[in-house]
Protein backbone atom coordinates (compact mmCIF):
# COMPACT_ATOMS: atom_id res chain seq x y z
CA MET A 1 -25.68 -13.63 16.91
CA THR A 2 -23.97 -16.91 17.68
CA SER A 3 -22.82 -18.01 21.09
CA GLN A 4 -19.58 -19.73 21.92
CA VAL A 5 -21.47 -22.12 24.19
CA SER A 6 -24.20 -23.13 21.72
CA MET A 7 -24.27 -26.86 21.07
CA ASN A 8 -25.03 -28.82 17.96
CA SER A 9 -28.15 -30.99 18.04
CA ALA A 10 -27.22 -34.59 18.59
CA GLU A 11 -28.95 -37.92 18.97
CA PRO A 12 -28.17 -39.97 22.09
CA GLY A 13 -24.63 -41.30 21.80
CA GLU A 14 -23.54 -38.72 19.21
CA LEU A 15 -20.81 -36.18 19.86
CA THR A 16 -21.75 -32.71 21.01
CA TYR A 17 -19.55 -29.69 20.61
CA THR A 18 -19.69 -25.91 20.81
CA ALA A 19 -19.67 -23.51 17.89
CA ASP A 20 -16.21 -22.37 18.96
CA GLU A 21 -14.95 -25.97 18.94
CA MET A 22 -16.30 -26.50 15.42
CA MET A 23 -14.55 -23.32 14.29
CA THR A 24 -11.26 -24.21 15.98
CA VAL A 25 -11.23 -27.72 14.52
CA ALA A 26 -12.07 -26.42 11.03
CA ALA A 27 -9.24 -23.89 11.28
CA ALA A 28 -6.78 -26.53 12.47
CA ARG A 29 -7.63 -28.73 9.48
CA ALA A 30 -6.61 -25.90 7.14
CA LEU A 31 -2.98 -26.23 8.23
CA ARG A 32 -0.70 -28.83 6.65
CA ASP A 33 2.30 -30.62 8.08
CA GLY A 34 5.57 -28.86 7.26
CA MET A 35 4.02 -25.42 6.82
CA THR A 36 5.52 -22.34 8.43
CA CYS A 37 2.74 -20.45 10.19
CA PHE A 38 2.80 -16.93 11.66
CA VAL A 39 0.35 -17.21 14.53
CA GLY A 40 -1.81 -14.62 16.27
CA ILE A 41 -2.93 -14.98 19.89
CA GLY A 42 -6.41 -16.30 20.73
CA LEU A 43 -8.44 -18.38 18.30
CA PRO A 44 -5.59 -18.69 15.74
CA SER A 45 -3.20 -19.93 18.40
CA ALA A 46 -5.67 -22.56 19.62
CA ALA A 47 -6.22 -23.84 16.07
CA ALA A 48 -2.52 -23.89 15.19
CA ASN A 49 -1.55 -25.76 18.34
CA LEU A 50 -4.41 -28.23 17.82
CA ALA A 51 -3.17 -28.91 14.28
CA ARG A 52 0.38 -29.52 15.54
CA ALA A 53 -0.95 -31.96 18.16
CA ILE A 54 -3.13 -33.98 15.78
CA HIS A 55 -2.07 -34.11 12.15
CA ALA A 56 0.76 -31.63 11.58
CA PRO A 57 3.62 -32.36 14.02
CA GLY A 58 6.03 -30.64 11.63
CA LEU A 59 4.04 -27.39 11.59
CA VAL A 60 6.47 -24.58 12.42
CA LEU A 61 4.79 -22.00 14.65
CA ILE A 62 6.22 -18.48 14.54
CA TYR A 63 5.15 -15.71 16.91
CA GLU A 64 5.99 -12.06 16.38
CA SER A 65 8.01 -11.89 19.60
CA GLY A 66 10.77 -13.71 17.70
CA THR A 67 10.10 -17.36 18.50
CA ILE A 68 10.53 -19.85 15.64
CA GLY A 69 9.29 -23.42 16.01
CA ALA A 70 7.51 -22.83 19.32
CA LYS A 71 5.95 -25.98 20.81
CA PRO A 72 3.90 -24.81 23.80
CA ALA A 73 2.12 -27.49 25.84
CA GLU A 74 -0.56 -24.94 26.69
CA LEU A 75 -1.85 -21.85 24.93
CA PRO A 76 0.20 -18.69 25.50
CA LEU A 77 -1.38 -15.69 27.19
CA SER A 78 0.42 -13.31 24.85
CA ILE A 79 3.22 -13.21 22.29
CA GLY A 80 5.56 -12.52 25.23
CA ASP A 81 4.58 -15.65 27.18
CA GLY A 82 7.76 -17.38 28.36
CA ILE A 83 6.58 -20.80 27.20
CA LEU A 84 7.07 -19.72 23.58
CA ALA A 85 10.76 -18.95 24.04
CA GLU A 86 11.31 -21.98 26.29
CA THR A 87 9.96 -24.41 23.67
CA ALA A 88 11.18 -22.73 20.45
CA ASP A 89 13.81 -24.03 18.07
CA ALA A 90 15.22 -20.52 17.91
CA VAL A 91 14.55 -17.06 19.30
CA VAL A 92 15.53 -14.09 17.16
CA SER A 93 14.98 -10.36 17.45
CA VAL A 94 11.70 -8.79 16.43
CA PRO A 95 13.38 -6.85 13.58
CA GLU A 96 14.80 -10.12 12.25
CA ILE A 97 11.40 -11.86 12.37
CA PHE A 98 9.86 -9.08 10.30
CA ASN A 99 12.74 -7.97 8.07
CA TYR A 100 14.29 -11.34 7.27
CA TRP A 101 11.57 -13.96 7.76
CA LEU A 102 8.24 -12.27 7.11
CA GLN A 103 8.61 -9.41 4.66
CA PRO A 104 10.65 -11.33 2.02
CA GLY A 105 7.81 -13.92 1.83
CA ARG A 106 9.49 -16.81 3.64
CA ILE A 107 6.41 -17.73 5.73
CA ASP A 108 3.69 -19.89 4.20
CA VAL A 109 0.59 -18.78 6.07
CA GLY A 110 -0.48 -16.05 8.45
CA PHE A 111 -3.21 -16.92 10.95
CA LEU A 112 -5.20 -13.85 12.03
CA SER A 113 -8.41 -12.84 13.77
CA ALA A 114 -10.40 -9.60 13.55
CA ALA A 115 -12.74 -7.23 15.36
CA GLN A 116 -14.30 -6.37 11.99
CA ILE A 117 -13.95 -7.93 8.56
CA ASP A 118 -15.62 -6.96 5.29
CA LYS A 119 -16.62 -8.95 2.22
CA PHE A 120 -13.19 -8.51 0.65
CA GLY A 121 -11.33 -9.78 3.72
CA ASN A 122 -10.05 -6.42 4.94
CA ILE A 123 -9.47 -6.48 8.71
CA ASN A 124 -10.01 -3.85 11.39
CA THR A 125 -8.44 -4.15 14.84
CA THR A 126 -7.91 -0.42 15.40
CA VAL A 127 -11.09 1.65 16.01
CA ILE A 128 -14.85 1.14 15.93
CA GLY A 129 -17.19 4.02 15.06
CA GLY A 130 -16.44 7.73 14.74
CA ASP A 131 -13.06 8.59 13.29
CA TYR A 132 -9.53 7.60 14.20
CA GLY A 133 -9.06 10.59 16.50
CA ASN A 134 -12.38 10.20 18.30
CA PRO A 135 -13.68 6.63 17.94
CA ARG A 136 -16.53 5.01 19.84
CA VAL A 137 -14.15 2.19 20.79
CA ARG A 138 -10.37 2.13 20.49
CA LEU A 139 -9.07 -1.41 20.03
CA PRO A 140 -5.61 -2.84 20.86
CA GLY A 141 -4.36 -1.98 17.39
CA ALA A 142 -2.36 -3.52 14.61
CA GLY A 143 0.61 -5.25 16.18
CA GLY A 144 2.25 -7.21 13.39
CA ALA A 145 -1.01 -7.98 11.56
CA PRO A 146 -0.55 -5.52 8.64
CA GLU A 147 2.80 -7.06 7.74
CA ILE A 148 1.43 -10.59 8.18
CA ALA A 149 -1.52 -9.81 5.89
CA ALA A 150 0.76 -8.25 3.28
CA SER A 151 3.75 -10.60 3.33
CA CYS A 152 2.72 -14.16 4.24
CA ARG A 153 2.15 -16.24 1.13
CA GLU A 154 -1.49 -16.65 2.16
CA VAL A 155 -3.67 -15.64 5.09
CA ILE A 156 -6.34 -17.54 7.03
CA VAL A 157 -8.73 -15.49 9.15
CA VAL A 158 -10.58 -17.02 12.12
CA VAL A 159 -13.38 -14.97 13.66
CA ARG A 160 -16.75 -15.43 15.39
CA GLN A 161 -19.47 -14.33 13.02
CA SER A 162 -22.04 -11.61 13.81
CA THR A 163 -23.28 -8.39 12.24
CA ARG A 164 -20.90 -6.55 14.57
CA SER A 165 -17.85 -8.32 13.15
CA PHE A 166 -19.05 -8.94 9.56
CA VAL A 167 -19.62 -5.46 8.15
CA GLU A 168 -20.17 -4.06 4.65
CA ARG A 169 -17.16 -1.78 5.08
CA VAL A 170 -14.68 -1.86 7.95
CA ASP A 171 -14.42 1.33 9.99
CA PHE A 172 -10.63 1.28 9.56
CA VAL A 173 -8.40 -0.88 7.37
CA THR A 174 -5.76 -2.19 9.77
CA SER A 175 -4.70 -5.12 7.59
CA VAL A 176 -5.48 -5.17 3.89
CA GLY A 177 -7.24 -8.21 2.47
CA HIS A 178 -8.42 -7.91 -1.11
CA GLY A 179 -8.92 -4.15 -0.93
CA HIS A 180 -11.86 -3.17 -3.12
CA GLY A 181 -11.87 -6.59 -4.79
CA GLY A 182 -10.60 -7.81 -8.13
CA ASP A 183 -6.92 -7.01 -8.69
CA SER A 184 -6.65 -4.55 -5.78
CA ARG A 185 -3.72 -6.38 -4.19
CA THR A 186 -1.76 -6.31 -7.45
CA LYS A 187 -2.41 -2.59 -7.83
CA LEU A 188 -1.10 -2.09 -4.29
CA GLY A 189 2.10 -3.89 -5.26
CA LEU A 190 1.40 -6.94 -3.11
CA LYS A 191 2.65 -10.22 -4.56
CA THR A 192 1.07 -12.58 -2.01
CA LYS A 193 -2.36 -14.23 -2.16
CA GLY A 194 -3.96 -12.44 0.80
CA PRO A 195 -6.90 -14.09 2.59
CA THR A 196 -7.53 -17.50 1.06
CA ARG A 197 -9.89 -18.76 3.77
CA LEU A 198 -12.23 -17.20 6.29
CA ILE A 199 -13.31 -19.59 9.02
CA THR A 200 -16.18 -18.75 11.37
CA ASP A 201 -18.41 -20.54 13.86
CA LEU A 202 -21.02 -20.88 11.09
CA ALA A 203 -19.21 -21.58 7.82
CA LEU A 204 -16.08 -21.70 5.68
CA TRP A 205 -15.54 -18.92 3.15
CA GLU A 206 -13.12 -18.48 0.25
CA PRO A 207 -12.61 -15.52 -2.10
CA ASP A 208 -14.28 -15.61 -5.51
CA PRO A 209 -11.49 -16.21 -8.07
CA VAL A 210 -12.38 -13.04 -10.01
CA THR A 211 -14.16 -10.57 -7.73
CA LYS A 212 -12.35 -11.72 -4.54
CA GLU A 213 -15.61 -11.35 -2.60
CA MET A 214 -15.72 -13.81 0.30
CA THR A 215 -18.03 -16.67 -0.67
CA VAL A 216 -19.51 -19.44 1.50
CA VAL A 217 -18.14 -22.81 0.34
CA SER A 218 -19.06 -24.99 3.33
CA ILE A 219 -21.68 -24.73 6.09
CA HIS A 220 -21.15 -26.25 9.52
CA PRO A 221 -23.55 -29.02 10.66
CA GLY A 222 -26.89 -27.70 11.91
CA VAL A 223 -26.35 -24.19 10.51
CA THR A 224 -28.70 -22.76 7.86
CA ARG A 225 -28.14 -20.26 5.07
CA ALA A 226 -30.59 -17.96 6.83
CA GLN A 227 -28.44 -17.99 9.99
CA ILE A 228 -25.36 -17.08 7.98
CA GLN A 229 -27.17 -14.16 6.33
CA GLU A 230 -28.63 -12.97 9.66
CA ASN A 231 -25.09 -12.76 11.06
CA THR A 232 -23.55 -10.95 8.07
CA GLY A 233 -23.66 -7.24 7.32
CA TRP A 234 -23.80 -7.68 3.53
CA SER A 235 -25.69 -9.84 1.04
CA VAL A 236 -23.97 -13.22 1.29
CA LYS A 237 -22.71 -14.98 -1.82
CA PHE A 238 -22.91 -18.79 -1.74
CA ALA A 239 -20.84 -21.03 -4.00
CA ALA A 240 -22.61 -22.99 -6.71
CA ARG A 241 -21.93 -26.12 -4.69
CA VAL A 242 -21.88 -25.66 -0.93
CA ALA A 243 -20.52 -28.54 1.14
CA GLU A 244 -21.26 -29.47 4.75
CA THR A 245 -18.24 -29.13 7.01
CA PRO A 246 -17.34 -32.49 8.56
CA ALA A 247 -18.16 -32.45 12.27
CA PRO A 248 -15.29 -32.69 14.78
CA THR A 249 -14.13 -36.21 15.51
CA SER A 250 -13.90 -37.63 19.02
CA ASN A 251 -10.09 -37.43 18.81
CA GLU A 252 -10.11 -33.79 17.70
CA LEU A 253 -12.43 -32.86 20.57
CA GLU A 254 -10.48 -34.87 23.13
CA VAL A 255 -7.17 -33.26 22.19
CA LEU A 256 -8.74 -29.78 22.14
CA HIS A 257 -10.31 -30.31 25.58
CA GLU A 258 -6.98 -31.51 26.96
CA LEU A 259 -5.23 -28.46 25.48
CA HIS A 260 -7.68 -26.08 27.15
CA ALA A 261 -7.52 -28.01 30.45
CA ARG A 262 -3.70 -27.80 30.53
CA THR A 263 -3.91 -24.10 29.67
CA ASN A 264 -6.37 -23.40 32.49
CA ARG A 265 -4.26 -25.32 35.01
CA ALA A 266 -1.03 -23.60 33.98
CA HIS A 267 -2.52 -20.12 34.10
CA SER A 268 -4.26 -20.79 37.43
CA GLU A 269 -0.99 -21.95 38.99
CA ALA A 270 0.84 -18.92 37.58
CA ALA A 271 -1.76 -16.59 39.09
């Protein structure tokens, strides 16, 4: 199992960074300037705000509380954090966000995380173990994630990788990815792409064009194939050509550190 405080090996003078920082930077790079992005709280929010600060100033951040074009200086505690409304281009009702903006397919990318994810990109944030009525663990639940997964033109999932989170079959399908693989989304009547990238603290994954099974296409510096397999609950498929993810730059790390420092100061003062 990976740790969010594990460091890459570095020679004297080289940059060091945590596994979480590598993951956040890789996720930020996946977002392009001018995109509209429906953002989840936590890791997705950190990556989206990093992207806006570095290379995508025109990235339009949308949160399910109804804020469009939010530009928070620090990371929000929740979708109801006042900084989102204070910095947004517009604030609309929750029904409008879902019925007018999201469900008709007007949003480019949904940025989600997961408690569990399977090899076809299906997400569970509802229950772990047992059944729905009597689970071992009851999680916060769906929120707007099912609609985001179904209606955004594509979905990027950001999650720390371990055998607890990467499972052969999710205990509950909260947000559909590629279903049982192949043309499952089409059979369900979904016209959007679904998960196009899965970004972890170990690697970058993309769905196979035919089977839709998540496939490793890039491995982060210092990570081995064996580590990826050890932290995955199914037999991992690697692309024919697997790249090495470019390490974070000094600028990316500096901006990310400043973002977290501002967030910690703001939340400490609020408390």
